[in-house]
């Protein structure tokens, strides 16, 4: 049986790398089950935030083990449509968050994030943090 795929947003990866125990067990369990996907945007954001060559190398090596969700032409079309629909409602969401959402939708994946912008995007499934943990 295939498990639900999850895209972990940059905001949560930062908490994971800080060893925040609200996220570490959930992420490690899902990494072991190969449920987690990563996108190019998230890779770039994570690598951009490193503070040393050593940290860069460690992060690069870690990221390379996570299954990669490629961004394709269809994702850009979906992103444009979603941004257009949000704009019509008077809602402004960063292009990066909407593109991650479009990739997640195509992969039928949920998104785990601390970023409130994702709540504005249509059709996106979010992993919700509840007081006793992540569900």
N, C-alpha and C. Protein backbone atom coordinates (compact mmCIF):
# COMPACT_ATOMS: atom_id res chain seq x y z
N UNK A 1 0.83 -1.19 0.00
CA UNK A 1 0.00 0.00 0.00
C UNK A 1 0.87 1.25 0.00
N UNK A 2 0.58 2.16 -0.89
CA UNK A 2 1.36 3.40 -0.97
C UNK A 2 0.86 4.38 0.08
N UNK A 3 1.80 5.04 0.73
CA UNK A 3 1.48 6.02 1.77
C UNK A 3 1.30 7.39 1.15
N UNK A 4 0.67 8.28 1.90
CA UNK A 4 0.47 9.66 1.46
C UNK A 4 1.83 10.35 1.31
N UNK A 5 2.05 10.94 0.16
CA UNK A 5 3.27 11.72 -0.07
C UNK A 5 3.13 13.07 0.61
N UNK A 6 4.25 13.59 1.10
CA UNK A 6 4.25 14.86 1.82
C UNK A 6 5.41 15.70 1.32
N UNK A 7 5.12 16.95 0.99
CA UNK A 7 6.18 17.91 0.70
C UNK A 7 6.38 18.72 1.97
N UNK A 8 7.60 18.69 2.48
CA UNK A 8 7.96 19.43 3.68
C UNK A 8 8.47 20.80 3.22
N UNK A 9 7.77 21.85 3.64
CA UNK A 9 8.16 23.20 3.25
C UNK A 9 9.42 23.63 4.02
N UNK A 10 10.08 24.64 3.48
CA UNK A 10 11.33 25.15 4.05
C UNK A 10 11.17 25.50 5.53
N UNK A 11 10.06 26.11 5.91
CA UNK A 11 9.85 26.52 7.30
C UNK A 11 9.94 25.34 8.27
N UNK A 12 9.48 24.18 7.84
CA UNK A 12 9.53 22.98 8.70
C UNK A 12 10.92 22.36 8.65
N UNK A 13 11.56 22.33 7.47
CA UNK A 13 12.93 21.80 7.40
C UNK A 13 13.85 22.57 8.34
N UNK A 14 13.66 23.88 8.43
CA UNK A 14 14.49 24.69 9.33
C UNK A 14 14.30 24.21 10.77
N UNK A 15 13.07 23.96 11.15
CA UNK A 15 12.80 23.45 12.50
C UNK A 15 13.41 22.06 12.69
N UNK A 16 13.33 21.24 11.66
CA UNK A 16 13.91 19.89 11.72
C UNK A 16 15.43 19.97 11.95
N UNK A 17 16.09 20.83 11.20
CA UNK A 17 17.55 20.94 11.32
C UNK A 17 17.96 21.60 12.64
N UNK A 18 17.02 22.29 13.31
CA UNK A 18 17.27 22.82 14.66
C UNK A 18 16.97 21.76 15.71
N UNK A 19 16.60 20.55 15.25
CA UNK A 19 16.27 19.42 16.12
C UNK A 19 15.02 19.67 16.96
N UNK A 20 14.06 20.38 16.39
CA UNK A 20 12.78 20.64 17.06
C UNK A 20 12.00 19.32 17.11
N UNK A 21 11.83 18.82 18.33
CA UNK A 21 11.21 17.50 18.51
C UNK A 21 9.71 17.48 18.19
N UNK A 22 9.12 18.65 17.91
CA UNK A 22 7.74 18.66 17.43
C UNK A 22 7.68 18.10 16.00
N UNK A 23 8.81 18.10 15.29
CA UNK A 23 8.83 17.70 13.88
C UNK A 23 9.76 16.52 13.58
N UNK A 24 10.84 16.40 14.32
CA UNK A 24 11.86 15.38 14.00
C UNK A 24 11.29 13.97 13.90
N UNK A 25 10.55 13.47 14.90
CA UNK A 25 10.05 12.08 14.78
C UNK A 25 9.15 11.88 13.55
N UNK A 26 8.24 12.82 13.31
CA UNK A 26 7.34 12.71 12.17
C UNK A 26 8.11 12.68 10.86
N UNK A 27 9.07 13.58 10.70
CA UNK A 27 9.85 13.66 9.46
C UNK A 27 10.70 12.41 9.29
N UNK A 28 11.38 11.98 10.35
CA UNK A 28 12.24 10.79 10.23
C UNK A 28 11.43 9.54 9.91
N UNK A 29 10.27 9.40 10.56
CA UNK A 29 9.40 8.25 10.25
C UNK A 29 9.01 8.27 8.77
N UNK A 30 8.62 9.43 8.27
CA UNK A 30 8.18 9.53 6.88
C UNK A 30 9.32 9.47 5.88
N UNK A 31 10.52 9.90 6.28
CA UNK A 31 11.70 9.70 5.42
C UNK A 31 11.98 8.21 5.27
N UNK A 32 11.90 7.48 6.39
CA UNK A 32 12.14 6.03 6.34
C UNK A 32 11.10 5.31 5.50
N UNK A 33 9.87 5.82 5.48
CA UNK A 33 8.81 5.22 4.66
C UNK A 33 8.83 5.71 3.21
N UNK A 34 9.77 6.62 2.92
CA UNK A 34 9.91 7.23 1.60
C UNK A 34 8.63 7.96 1.17
N UNK A 35 8.01 8.65 2.13
CA UNK A 35 6.80 9.42 1.87
C UNK A 35 7.09 10.87 1.52
N UNK A 36 8.30 11.33 1.79
CA UNK A 36 8.61 12.75 1.65
C UNK A 36 9.20 13.05 0.28
N UNK A 37 8.71 14.15 -0.29
CA UNK A 37 9.22 14.67 -1.56
C UNK A 37 9.82 16.04 -1.31
N UNK A 38 10.76 16.43 -2.17
CA UNK A 38 11.33 17.78 -2.09
C UNK A 38 11.28 18.41 -3.47
N UNK A 39 11.12 19.72 -3.49
CA UNK A 39 11.07 20.45 -4.77
C UNK A 39 12.33 21.29 -4.93
N UNK A 40 12.56 21.74 -6.14
CA UNK A 40 13.72 22.58 -6.43
C UNK A 40 13.70 23.88 -5.66
N UNK A 41 12.53 24.49 -5.52
CA UNK A 41 12.42 25.74 -4.76
C UNK A 41 12.87 25.54 -3.32
N UNK A 42 12.43 24.46 -2.71
CA UNK A 42 12.78 24.19 -1.31
C UNK A 42 14.27 23.91 -1.19
N UNK A 43 14.83 23.16 -2.13
CA UNK A 43 16.28 22.91 -2.12
C UNK A 43 17.03 24.23 -2.17
N UNK A 44 16.64 25.10 -3.09
CA UNK A 44 17.33 26.40 -3.23
C UNK A 44 17.21 27.24 -1.96
N UNK A 45 16.01 27.29 -1.38
CA UNK A 45 15.82 28.06 -0.16
C UNK A 45 16.68 27.52 0.98
N UNK A 46 16.74 26.20 1.12
CA UNK A 46 17.54 25.60 2.19
C UNK A 46 19.03 25.88 2.00
N UNK A 47 19.53 25.66 0.79
CA UNK A 47 20.96 25.87 0.53
C UNK A 47 21.33 27.35 0.66
N UNK A 48 20.42 28.23 0.31
CA UNK A 48 20.65 29.66 0.44
C UNK A 48 20.86 30.06 1.89
N UNK A 49 20.24 29.33 2.82
CA UNK A 49 20.29 29.70 4.24
C UNK A 49 21.46 29.15 5.03
N UNK A 50 22.32 28.33 4.40
CA UNK A 50 23.43 27.75 5.18
C UNK A 50 24.47 28.80 5.53
N UNK A 51 25.24 28.49 6.59
CA UNK A 51 26.19 29.47 7.11
C UNK A 51 27.66 29.13 6.85
N UNK A 52 27.94 27.92 6.34
CA UNK A 52 29.33 27.54 6.12
C UNK A 52 29.42 26.50 5.00
N UNK A 53 30.64 26.31 4.49
CA UNK A 53 30.85 25.29 3.45
C UNK A 53 30.52 23.90 3.99
N UNK A 54 30.89 23.66 5.25
CA UNK A 54 30.63 22.36 5.87
C UNK A 54 29.11 22.10 5.95
N UNK A 55 28.36 23.11 6.41
CA UNK A 55 26.91 22.99 6.50
C UNK A 55 26.30 22.78 5.11
N UNK A 56 26.84 23.49 4.11
CA UNK A 56 26.38 23.35 2.74
C UNK A 56 26.55 21.92 2.25
N UNK A 57 27.72 21.35 2.51
CA UNK A 57 28.01 19.97 2.08
C UNK A 57 27.09 18.98 2.78
N UNK A 58 26.94 19.12 4.09
CA UNK A 58 26.06 18.22 4.85
C UNK A 58 24.63 18.30 4.34
N UNK A 59 24.16 19.51 4.12
CA UNK A 59 22.80 19.69 3.65
C UNK A 59 22.62 19.15 2.23
N UNK A 60 23.57 19.42 1.36
CA UNK A 60 23.52 18.91 -0.01
C UNK A 60 23.44 17.39 -0.03
N UNK A 61 24.27 16.76 0.80
CA UNK A 61 24.27 15.30 0.86
C UNK A 61 22.94 14.76 1.39
N UNK A 62 22.39 15.42 2.40
CA UNK A 62 21.11 14.99 2.98
C UNK A 62 19.98 15.13 1.97
N UNK A 63 19.94 16.27 1.31
CA UNK A 63 18.87 16.56 0.34
C UNK A 63 18.88 15.56 -0.81
N UNK A 64 20.07 15.17 -1.24
CA UNK A 64 20.17 14.29 -2.41
C UNK A 64 19.51 12.93 -2.18
N UNK A 65 19.28 12.56 -0.91
CA UNK A 65 18.66 11.27 -0.59
C UNK A 65 17.13 11.33 -0.61
N UNK A 66 16.56 12.54 -0.72
CA UNK A 66 15.10 12.70 -0.67
C UNK A 66 14.55 12.66 -2.10
N UNK A 67 13.50 11.87 -2.33
CA UNK A 67 12.90 11.85 -3.68
C UNK A 67 12.51 13.25 -4.13
N UNK A 68 12.82 13.53 -5.39
CA UNK A 68 12.65 14.87 -5.96
C UNK A 68 11.38 14.95 -6.79
N UNK A 69 10.57 15.97 -6.51
CA UNK A 69 9.35 16.22 -7.29
C UNK A 69 9.68 17.30 -8.32
N UNK A 70 9.86 16.87 -9.55
CA UNK A 70 10.22 17.76 -10.65
C UNK A 70 9.11 18.78 -10.92
N UNK A 71 9.49 19.99 -11.26
CA UNK A 71 8.55 21.01 -11.69
C UNK A 71 8.45 20.91 -13.21
N UNK A 72 7.22 20.78 -13.72
CA UNK A 72 7.02 20.64 -15.16
C UNK A 72 6.14 21.79 -15.68
N UNK A 73 6.02 21.88 -16.97
CA UNK A 73 5.24 22.92 -17.64
C UNK A 73 3.84 23.06 -17.03
N UNK A 74 3.17 21.94 -16.84
CA UNK A 74 1.81 21.92 -16.29
C UNK A 74 1.75 22.63 -14.92
N UNK A 75 2.81 22.50 -14.12
CA UNK A 75 2.84 23.16 -12.80
C UNK A 75 2.83 24.68 -12.94
N UNK A 76 3.52 25.19 -13.95
CA UNK A 76 3.54 26.64 -14.17
C UNK A 76 2.16 27.14 -14.59
N UNK A 77 1.46 26.36 -15.42
CA UNK A 77 0.11 26.73 -15.84
C UNK A 77 -0.83 26.71 -14.64
N UNK A 78 -0.76 25.66 -13.84
CA UNK A 78 -1.58 25.56 -12.63
C UNK A 78 -1.28 26.73 -11.68
N UNK A 79 -0.01 27.06 -11.53
CA UNK A 79 0.40 28.17 -10.66
C UNK A 79 -0.21 29.48 -11.14
N UNK A 80 -0.11 29.74 -12.44
CA UNK A 80 -0.68 30.96 -13.00
C UNK A 80 -2.18 31.04 -12.77
N UNK A 81 -2.87 29.93 -12.98
CA UNK A 81 -4.32 29.89 -12.78
C UNK A 81 -4.66 30.14 -11.31
N UNK A 82 -3.91 29.50 -10.41
CA UNK A 82 -4.16 29.67 -8.98
C UNK A 82 -3.89 31.12 -8.56
N UNK A 83 -2.79 31.70 -9.04
CA UNK A 83 -2.47 33.10 -8.70
C UNK A 83 -3.55 34.04 -9.23
N UNK A 84 -4.02 33.79 -10.44
CA UNK A 84 -5.09 34.59 -11.04
C UNK A 84 -6.36 34.53 -10.19
N UNK A 85 -6.75 33.31 -9.80
CA UNK A 85 -7.96 33.14 -8.99
C UNK A 85 -7.82 33.78 -7.61
N UNK A 86 -6.64 33.69 -7.02
CA UNK A 86 -6.40 34.34 -5.73
C UNK A 86 -6.46 35.86 -5.86
N UNK A 87 -5.86 36.38 -6.93
CA UNK A 87 -5.86 37.83 -7.16
C UNK A 87 -7.29 38.34 -7.31
N UNK A 88 -8.13 37.58 -8.02
CA UNK A 88 -9.53 37.98 -8.19
C UNK A 88 -10.25 38.07 -6.84
N UNK A 89 -9.81 37.27 -5.86
CA UNK A 89 -10.40 37.29 -4.52
C UNK A 89 -9.72 38.33 -3.62
N UNK A 90 -8.71 39.04 -4.16
CA UNK A 90 -7.99 40.02 -3.37
C UNK A 90 -6.94 39.43 -2.45
N UNK A 91 -6.51 38.20 -2.75
CA UNK A 91 -5.54 37.50 -1.91
C UNK A 91 -4.18 37.48 -2.61
N UNK A 92 -3.16 37.90 -1.89
CA UNK A 92 -1.80 37.89 -2.43
C UNK A 92 -1.00 36.77 -1.76
N UNK A 93 -0.48 35.87 -2.59
CA UNK A 93 0.32 34.74 -2.10
C UNK A 93 1.61 34.70 -2.93
N UNK A 94 2.77 34.50 -2.29
CA UNK A 94 4.02 34.43 -3.06
C UNK A 94 3.99 33.33 -4.12
N UNK A 95 4.52 33.64 -5.28
CA UNK A 95 4.59 32.68 -6.39
C UNK A 95 5.23 31.37 -5.94
N UNK A 96 6.27 31.45 -5.12
CA UNK A 96 6.97 30.23 -4.68
C UNK A 96 6.02 29.28 -3.94
N UNK A 97 5.19 29.83 -3.06
CA UNK A 97 4.26 28.99 -2.30
C UNK A 97 3.20 28.37 -3.20
N UNK A 98 2.74 29.13 -4.19
CA UNK A 98 1.72 28.60 -5.10
C UNK A 98 2.34 27.53 -6.01
N UNK A 99 3.58 27.73 -6.44
CA UNK A 99 4.24 26.71 -7.27
C UNK A 99 4.44 25.41 -6.48
N UNK A 100 4.85 25.52 -5.23
CA UNK A 100 4.97 24.32 -4.39
C UNK A 100 3.61 23.64 -4.26
N UNK A 101 2.56 24.43 -4.09
CA UNK A 101 1.20 23.89 -4.02
C UNK A 101 0.82 23.16 -5.30
N UNK A 102 1.14 23.75 -6.45
CA UNK A 102 0.82 23.12 -7.74
C UNK A 102 1.54 21.78 -7.90
N UNK A 103 2.80 21.74 -7.50
CA UNK A 103 3.57 20.49 -7.57
C UNK A 103 2.93 19.45 -6.64
N UNK A 104 2.55 19.89 -5.44
CA UNK A 104 1.92 18.98 -4.47
C UNK A 104 0.61 18.42 -5.03
N UNK A 105 -0.19 19.27 -5.64
CA UNK A 105 -1.47 18.83 -6.20
C UNK A 105 -1.23 17.78 -7.28
N UNK A 106 -0.27 18.03 -8.17
CA UNK A 106 0.00 17.06 -9.25
C UNK A 106 0.47 15.72 -8.70
N UNK A 107 1.21 15.75 -7.61
CA UNK A 107 1.73 14.51 -7.01
C UNK A 107 0.76 13.92 -5.98
N UNK A 108 -0.41 14.54 -5.83
CA UNK A 108 -1.38 14.14 -4.81
C UNK A 108 -0.70 14.07 -3.44
N UNK A 109 0.10 15.08 -3.15
CA UNK A 109 0.85 15.15 -1.90
C UNK A 109 0.27 16.22 -0.99
N UNK A 110 0.44 16.02 0.29
CA UNK A 110 0.10 17.04 1.28
C UNK A 110 1.32 17.92 1.48
N UNK A 111 1.11 19.08 2.12
CA UNK A 111 2.21 19.99 2.44
C UNK A 111 2.24 20.20 3.94
N UNK A 112 3.42 20.06 4.53
CA UNK A 112 3.63 20.37 5.94
C UNK A 112 4.40 21.68 5.98
N UNK A 113 3.81 22.71 6.57
CA UNK A 113 4.40 24.04 6.56
C UNK A 113 3.98 24.83 7.78
N UNK A 114 4.74 25.84 8.11
CA UNK A 114 4.36 26.83 9.12
C UNK A 114 3.86 28.10 8.44
N UNK A 115 3.96 28.15 7.12
CA UNK A 115 3.61 29.33 6.32
C UNK A 115 2.10 29.40 6.10
N UNK A 116 1.49 30.44 6.61
CA UNK A 116 0.04 30.60 6.52
C UNK A 116 -0.47 30.84 5.09
N UNK A 117 0.42 31.23 4.16
CA UNK A 117 0.00 31.46 2.78
C UNK A 117 -0.62 30.21 2.14
N UNK A 118 -0.15 29.04 2.55
CA UNK A 118 -0.64 27.81 1.93
C UNK A 118 -2.12 27.59 2.20
N UNK A 119 -2.64 28.16 3.28
CA UNK A 119 -4.07 28.01 3.58
C UNK A 119 -4.95 28.70 2.54
N UNK A 120 -4.38 29.65 1.81
CA UNK A 120 -5.14 30.40 0.80
C UNK A 120 -5.25 29.68 -0.52
N UNK A 121 -4.39 28.71 -0.77
CA UNK A 121 -4.37 28.08 -2.08
C UNK A 121 -5.43 26.98 -2.18
N UNK A 122 -6.12 26.96 -3.30
CA UNK A 122 -7.18 25.98 -3.51
C UNK A 122 -6.61 24.58 -3.69
N UNK A 123 -7.36 23.61 -3.26
CA UNK A 123 -7.11 22.19 -3.53
C UNK A 123 -5.89 21.62 -2.82
N UNK A 124 -5.21 22.39 -1.99
CA UNK A 124 -4.01 21.88 -1.35
C UNK A 124 -4.38 21.17 -0.05
N UNK A 125 -3.78 20.01 0.16
CA UNK A 125 -3.98 19.27 1.40
C UNK A 125 -2.82 19.63 2.34
N UNK A 126 -3.15 20.07 3.53
CA UNK A 126 -2.12 20.44 4.50
C UNK A 126 -2.05 19.38 5.59
N UNK A 127 -0.84 19.11 6.06
CA UNK A 127 -0.65 18.30 7.26
C UNK A 127 -0.80 19.29 8.40
N UNK A 128 -1.70 19.03 9.30
CA UNK A 128 -2.04 19.97 10.37
C UNK A 128 -1.29 19.62 11.64
N UNK A 129 -0.70 20.63 12.25
CA UNK A 129 -0.02 20.48 13.54
C UNK A 129 -1.06 20.65 14.63
N UNK A 130 -1.22 19.63 15.46
CA UNK A 130 -2.14 19.72 16.59
C UNK A 130 -1.31 19.69 17.86
N UNK A 131 -1.89 20.12 19.00
CA UNK A 131 -1.12 20.24 20.23
C UNK A 131 -0.33 18.98 20.61
N UNK A 132 -0.89 17.81 20.39
CA UNK A 132 -0.17 16.58 20.78
C UNK A 132 0.75 16.06 19.69
N UNK A 133 0.89 16.75 18.58
CA UNK A 133 1.78 16.29 17.53
C UNK A 133 1.21 16.55 16.16
N UNK A 134 1.77 15.92 15.16
CA UNK A 134 1.39 16.15 13.78
C UNK A 134 0.50 15.01 13.31
N UNK A 135 -0.58 15.37 12.59
CA UNK A 135 -1.50 14.36 12.07
C UNK A 135 -1.77 14.60 10.61
